[in-house]
Amino acid sequence: MHKVNANGAAIPALGLGTWTLNGDHCAEMVAHALSVGYRHIDTAAAYDNEAAVGAGLRASGVGRDDIFVTTKVWWTDIAPGDLERSAEASLKQLGIDEVDLLLIHWPNPKIPLEGSIKALNATKSSGLARHIGVSNFTTTLLSRAIELSDAPLVANQVEYHPYLDQTKVLRACREAGMAMVSYCPLSRGGPLFMEKAVTDAAARHSKSPGQVVLRWHVQQEGVVAIPRTNRLARLAENFAIFDFALSNTEMAAISALSKANIRICDYDFSPQWDAA
């Protein structure tokens, strides 16, 4: 399985997103994902499932050093002091000594970014996190965060799928040597899986539409995808994307779907997104 090298971090290109997974089911999904080859697990304080994720990590039998674990600090907790406490609480829930990547989950206009980035750096220097980054940052916010950070930021986790044009954010990440991590990479399936660009490629490669879309992600330079599923059977399918490649024509046809400009995760606290 290939990895994305980002400012010193080697991030497995496909991870398991755990939003909405909880309890024993979450633990089972994490353990099973690791058994089929995943080595990247994504969670967050706000998901309220870090203890279950930790249980899954331990149940898998896979060595801690072989798993890339990401968690995130909720936007109300990114003030200095609060951010470090959130990171410590996450580690306690997960049952691990440090995370591989700690992200600011969302920017907060009421909390100065200077303080948040300084606190984020403190989690790295104190050994709570191996690497640090951000999530849901626009190009303007990302530029400011990079400028403020002493340690290199390794990722910006954002919504990304063929229906959403993230060209500007991806370009900014690449220029900074960062990975762009795609959440909702499958746009929650549905209409996307029926698009001709997707179904034609699926037929050509004897793959499912979901596999084609995930392949589209990881075939782009610097892009990591973290699909979420609540079905055990889907884990192996989602992971089986490293034995084929899409042609340039297929990639372009899928990328052209971005004219739909559909954003799934948009909240009252969201930043002013970059225009497509």
Protein backbone atom coordinates (compact mmCIF):
# COMPACT_ATOMS: atom_id res chain seq x y z
CA MET A 1 0.00 0.00 0.00
CA HIS A 2 1.45 3.34 -0.91
CA LYS A 3 2.04 6.25 1.42
CA VAL A 4 1.96 9.99 0.92
CA ASN A 5 5.10 11.71 2.15
CA ALA A 6 4.21 15.04 3.67
CA ASN A 7 6.75 17.19 5.48
CA GLY A 8 8.31 14.23 7.26
CA ALA A 9 5.16 12.18 7.79
CA ALA A 10 4.49 9.00 5.80
CA ILE A 11 0.70 8.82 5.68
CA PRO A 12 -0.94 5.64 4.35
CA ALA A 13 -2.92 6.75 1.30
CA LEU A 14 -6.09 4.96 2.38
CA GLY A 15 -7.49 5.14 5.90
CA LEU A 16 -10.66 4.26 7.76
CA GLY A 17 -12.85 7.18 8.75
CA THR A 18 -14.80 6.42 11.94
CA TRP A 19 -17.33 9.27 12.13
CA THR A 20 -20.72 7.88 13.36
CA LEU A 21 -19.17 4.52 14.36
CA ASN A 22 -19.40 3.76 18.05
CA GLY A 23 -19.22 1.12 20.76
CA ASP A 24 -18.42 -2.50 20.06
CA HIS A 25 -19.29 -2.07 16.38
CA CYS A 26 -16.67 0.66 16.03
CA ALA A 27 -14.04 -1.50 17.75
CA GLU A 28 -14.91 -4.42 15.48
CA MET A 29 -14.70 -2.25 12.35
CA VAL A 30 -11.27 -0.90 13.35
CA ALA A 31 -9.89 -4.36 14.18
CA HIS A 32 -11.26 -5.83 10.94
CA ALA A 33 -9.93 -2.93 8.86
CA LEU A 34 -6.46 -3.57 10.25
CA SER A 35 -6.82 -7.29 9.54
CA VAL A 36 -7.49 -6.64 5.83
CA GLY A 37 -4.52 -4.31 5.46
CA TYR A 38 -5.50 -0.80 6.56
CA ARG A 39 -2.78 0.98 8.51
CA HIS A 40 -4.42 4.39 8.95
CA ILE A 41 -7.31 5.06 11.34
CA ASP A 42 -8.99 8.48 11.67
CA THR A 43 -11.04 9.60 14.65
CA ALA A 44 -11.80 12.82 16.58
CA ALA A 45 -12.72 13.97 20.05
CA ALA A 46 -16.10 15.08 18.67
CA TYR A 47 -16.89 11.57 17.39
CA ASP A 48 -17.10 10.32 20.98
CA ASN A 49 -15.62 6.99 19.89
CA GLU A 50 -11.92 7.24 20.74
CA ALA A 51 -12.20 4.58 23.46
CA ALA A 52 -13.83 2.21 20.97
CA VAL A 53 -11.17 3.00 18.35
CA GLY A 54 -8.50 2.25 20.96
CA ALA A 55 -10.18 -1.07 21.78
CA GLY A 56 -10.12 -1.94 18.07
CA LEU A 57 -6.43 -1.04 17.80
CA ARG A 58 -5.59 -3.40 20.68
CA ALA A 59 -7.87 -6.20 19.46
CA SER A 60 -6.25 -6.15 16.02
CA GLY A 61 -2.92 -7.46 17.25
CA VAL A 62 -1.15 -5.10 14.82
CA GLY A 63 1.83 -3.33 16.40
CA ARG A 64 1.26 0.25 17.43
CA ASP A 65 4.22 1.48 15.38
CA ASP A 66 2.63 0.02 12.24
CA ILE A 67 -0.60 2.04 12.57
CA PHE A 68 -1.02 5.72 11.68
CA VAL A 69 -3.60 7.17 14.10
CA THR A 70 -5.17 10.59 13.55
CA THR A 71 -7.41 12.46 15.96
CA LYS A 72 -8.77 15.99 16.02
CA VAL A 73 -9.48 18.75 18.55
CA TRP A 74 -12.99 20.24 18.30
CA TRP A 75 -13.29 23.87 17.29
CA THR A 76 -14.53 25.01 20.72
CA ASP A 77 -11.40 23.56 22.37
CA ILE A 78 -8.60 25.12 20.33
CA ALA A 79 -7.62 27.92 22.73
CA PRO A 80 -4.21 27.52 24.41
CA GLY A 81 -4.58 25.15 27.35
CA ASP A 82 -7.87 23.74 26.10
CA LEU A 83 -6.19 22.26 23.03
CA GLU A 84 -3.48 20.50 25.02
CA ARG A 85 -6.06 19.17 27.50
CA SER A 86 -8.17 17.85 24.62
CA ALA A 87 -5.13 16.07 23.15
CA GLU A 88 -4.29 14.50 26.51
CA ALA A 89 -7.91 13.36 26.96
CA SER A 90 -7.89 11.84 23.47
CA LEU A 91 -4.73 9.86 24.23
CA LYS A 92 -6.27 8.58 27.45
CA GLN A 93 -9.41 7.49 25.59
CA LEU A 94 -7.39 5.86 22.80
CA GLY A 95 -5.06 4.18 25.28
CA ILE A 96 -1.90 5.25 23.44
CA ASP A 97 1.07 7.46 24.32
CA GLU A 98 0.94 9.69 21.26
CA VAL A 99 -1.04 10.11 18.07
CA ASP A 100 0.66 10.12 14.70
CA LEU A 101 -1.31 13.19 13.62
CA LEU A 102 -3.23 15.76 15.65
CA LEU A 103 -5.47 18.16 13.76
CA ILE A 104 -7.44 21.28 14.59
CA HIS A 105 -10.85 19.95 13.50
CA TRP A 106 -12.33 23.29 12.40
CA PRO A 107 -11.08 26.87 12.58
CA ASN A 108 -12.74 29.12 15.15
CA PRO A 109 -13.00 32.85 14.28
CA LYS A 110 -13.47 33.69 17.99
CA ILE A 111 -10.18 32.10 19.01
CA PRO A 112 -7.03 33.75 17.59
CA LEU A 113 -5.19 31.39 15.28
CA GLU A 114 -1.83 32.44 16.76
CA GLY A 115 -2.73 30.84 20.10
CA SER A 116 -4.21 27.72 18.54
CA ILE A 117 -1.19 27.05 16.35
CA LYS A 118 1.19 27.70 19.26
CA ALA A 119 -0.77 25.19 21.37
CA LEU A 120 -0.79 22.70 18.50
CA ASN A 121 3.00 23.02 18.29
CA ALA A 122 3.21 22.43 22.05
CA THR A 123 1.51 19.03 21.64
CA LYS A 124 4.25 18.05 19.19
CA SER A 125 7.16 19.33 21.26
CA SER A 126 5.80 17.63 24.39
CA GLY A 127 5.39 14.29 22.63
CA LEU A 128 1.59 14.06 22.52
CA ALA A 129 1.61 14.08 18.70
CA ARG A 130 4.24 12.97 16.19
CA HIS A 131 2.87 15.31 13.55
CA ILE A 132 0.39 18.18 13.46
CA GLY A 133 -2.01 19.67 10.94
CA VAL A 134 -5.39 21.24 10.35
CA SER A 135 -8.80 20.37 8.98
CA ASN A 136 -11.40 22.39 7.09
CA PHE A 137 -8.95 25.24 6.51
CA THR A 138 -9.41 27.45 3.46
CA THR A 139 -6.38 28.55 1.44
CA THR A 140 -6.25 31.87 3.33
CA LEU A 141 -6.44 30.19 6.75
CA LEU A 142 -3.95 27.53 5.68
CA SER A 143 -1.44 30.12 4.55
CA ARG A 144 -1.74 31.90 7.90
CA ALA A 145 -1.44 28.65 9.87
CA ILE A 146 1.71 27.65 7.97
CA GLU A 147 3.21 31.09 8.62
CA LEU A 148 2.46 30.83 12.36
CA SER A 149 3.68 27.28 12.89
CA ASP A 150 7.22 26.49 14.03
CA ALA A 151 6.85 22.79 13.15
CA PRO A 152 5.78 21.81 9.62
CA LEU A 153 2.06 21.16 9.17
CA VAL A 154 1.65 17.83 7.40
CA ALA A 155 -2.02 17.75 6.37
CA ASN A 156 -5.21 19.67 5.74
CA GLN A 157 -8.21 17.34 6.02
CA VAL A 158 -11.11 18.60 3.93
CA GLU A 159 -14.23 17.38 2.20
CA TYR A 160 -13.22 16.14 -1.23
CA HIS A 161 -14.92 13.98 -3.82
CA PRO A 162 -15.55 14.19 -7.58
CA TYR A 163 -18.56 16.48 -7.04
CA LEU A 164 -16.53 19.13 -5.18
CA ASP A 165 -13.76 21.21 -6.76
CA GLN A 166 -10.90 21.52 -4.28
CA THR A 167 -8.25 22.53 -6.83
CA LYS A 168 -7.21 25.63 -4.88
CA VAL A 169 -6.81 23.84 -1.56
CA LEU A 170 -4.98 20.92 -3.17
CA ARG A 171 -2.59 23.30 -4.93
CA ALA A 172 -1.90 25.11 -1.65
CA CYS A 173 -1.23 21.82 0.14
CA ARG A 174 1.15 20.64 -2.58
CA GLU A 175 3.04 23.93 -2.58
CA ALA A 176 3.50 23.59 1.19
CA GLY A 177 4.59 19.94 0.97
CA MET A 178 1.43 18.87 2.81
CA ALA A 179 -1.03 16.06 2.19
CA MET A 180 -4.68 16.82 1.48
CA VAL A 181 -6.80 14.23 3.27
CA SER A 182 -10.23 13.64 1.73
CA TYR A 183 -13.20 13.06 4.02
CA CYS A 184 -16.54 12.07 2.47
CA PRO A 185 -14.37 10.81 -0.44
CA LEU A 186 -17.26 8.84 -1.92
CA SER A 187 -19.74 11.72 -1.59
CA ARG A 188 -21.81 9.16 0.32
CA GLY A 189 -22.30 7.12 -2.85
CA GLY A 190 -25.73 7.45 -4.43
CA PRO A 191 -25.78 9.54 -7.63
CA LEU A 192 -21.97 9.60 -7.92
CA PHE A 193 -21.90 5.83 -8.35
CA MET A 194 -24.26 6.12 -11.30
CA GLU A 195 -22.25 8.73 -13.21
CA LYS A 196 -21.13 7.46 -16.63
CA ALA A 197 -17.52 8.47 -16.00
CA VAL A 198 -17.52 6.22 -12.93
CA THR A 199 -19.56 3.27 -14.23
CA ASP A 200 -17.60 3.10 -17.50
CA ALA A 201 -14.29 2.94 -15.63
CA ALA A 202 -15.72 0.37 -13.21
CA ALA A 203 -16.78 -1.86 -16.11
CA ARG A 204 -13.40 -1.51 -17.83
CA HIS A 205 -11.42 -2.46 -14.74
CA SER A 206 -13.90 -4.98 -13.27
CA LYS A 207 -14.13 -2.87 -10.13
CA SER A 208 -17.01 -1.35 -8.18
CA PRO A 209 -17.90 2.35 -8.58
CA GLY A 210 -16.65 2.93 -5.04
CA GLN A 211 -13.29 1.38 -5.83
CA VAL A 212 -12.98 3.57 -8.92
CA VAL A 213 -13.67 6.75 -6.93
CA LEU A 214 -11.20 5.81 -4.20
CA ARG A 215 -8.61 5.00 -6.85
CA TRP A 216 -9.23 8.46 -8.36
CA HIS A 217 -8.32 9.96 -4.98
CA VAL A 218 -5.14 8.05 -4.25
CA GLN A 219 -3.89 8.41 -7.81
CA GLN A 220 -3.66 12.17 -7.32
CA GLU A 221 -0.36 13.46 -6.01
CA GLY A 222 -0.51 14.22 -2.29
CA VAL A 223 -4.08 12.99 -1.74
CA VAL A 224 -5.12 10.61 1.06
CA ALA A 225 -8.67 9.23 1.35
CA ILE A 226 -10.42 8.15 4.55
CA PRO A 227 -13.73 6.52 3.53
CA ARG A 228 -16.15 5.64 6.30
CA THR A 229 -18.32 2.55 6.14
CA ASN A 230 -20.42 0.79 8.76
CA ARG A 231 -20.33 -2.53 6.92
CA LEU A 232 -17.57 -5.06 7.63
CA ALA A 233 -17.83 -6.50 4.11
CA ARG A 234 -17.14 -3.10 2.56
CA LEU A 235 -13.74 -2.75 4.23
CA ALA A 236 -11.93 -5.27 2.04
CA GLU A 237 -13.63 -3.87 -1.07
CA ASN A 238 -12.58 -0.29 -0.28
CA PHE A 239 -9.03 -1.44 0.37
CA ALA A 240 -8.65 -3.33 -2.92
CA ILE A 241 -7.68 -0.31 -5.01
CA PHE A 242 -3.93 -0.73 -5.37
CA ASP A 243 -3.97 -3.39 -8.10
CA PHE A 244 -5.20 -1.20 -10.97
CA ALA A 245 -4.75 2.31 -12.33
CA LEU A 246 -7.12 4.72 -14.04
CA SER A 247 -6.03 6.20 -17.38
CA ASN A 248 -5.49 9.94 -17.75
CA THR A 249 -8.74 10.07 -19.73
CA GLU A 250 -10.66 8.28 -16.98
CA MET A 251 -9.15 10.55 -14.32
CA ALA A 252 -10.11 13.65 -16.30
CA ALA A 253 -13.68 12.41 -16.90
CA ILE A 254 -14.21 11.83 -13.18
CA SER A 255 -12.58 15.16 -12.27
CA ALA A 256 -14.95 16.94 -14.68
CA LEU A 257 -17.85 16.00 -12.38
CA SER A 258 -16.66 18.76 -10.00
CA LYS A 259 -18.74 21.28 -11.91
CA ALA A 260 -21.67 20.06 -9.75
CA ASN A 261 -19.95 21.80 -6.81
CA ILE A 262 -21.85 19.87 -4.13
CA ARG A 263 -20.66 20.30 -0.54
CA ILE A 264 -22.08 17.88 2.04
CA CYS A 265 -20.54 19.20 5.27
CA ASP A 266 -21.43 22.88 5.63
CA TYR A 267 -22.38 24.23 9.04
CA ASP A 268 -23.13 27.56 10.66
CA PHE A 269 -19.59 27.54 12.08
CA SER A 270 -17.93 26.70 8.74
CA PRO A 271 -15.41 29.22 7.36
CA GLN A 272 -16.07 31.18 4.17
CA TRP A 273 -15.06 28.49 1.68
CA ASP A 274 -12.78 29.13 -1.27
CA ALA A 275 -14.76 29.84 -4.42
CA ALA A 276 -14.51 27.05 -7.00
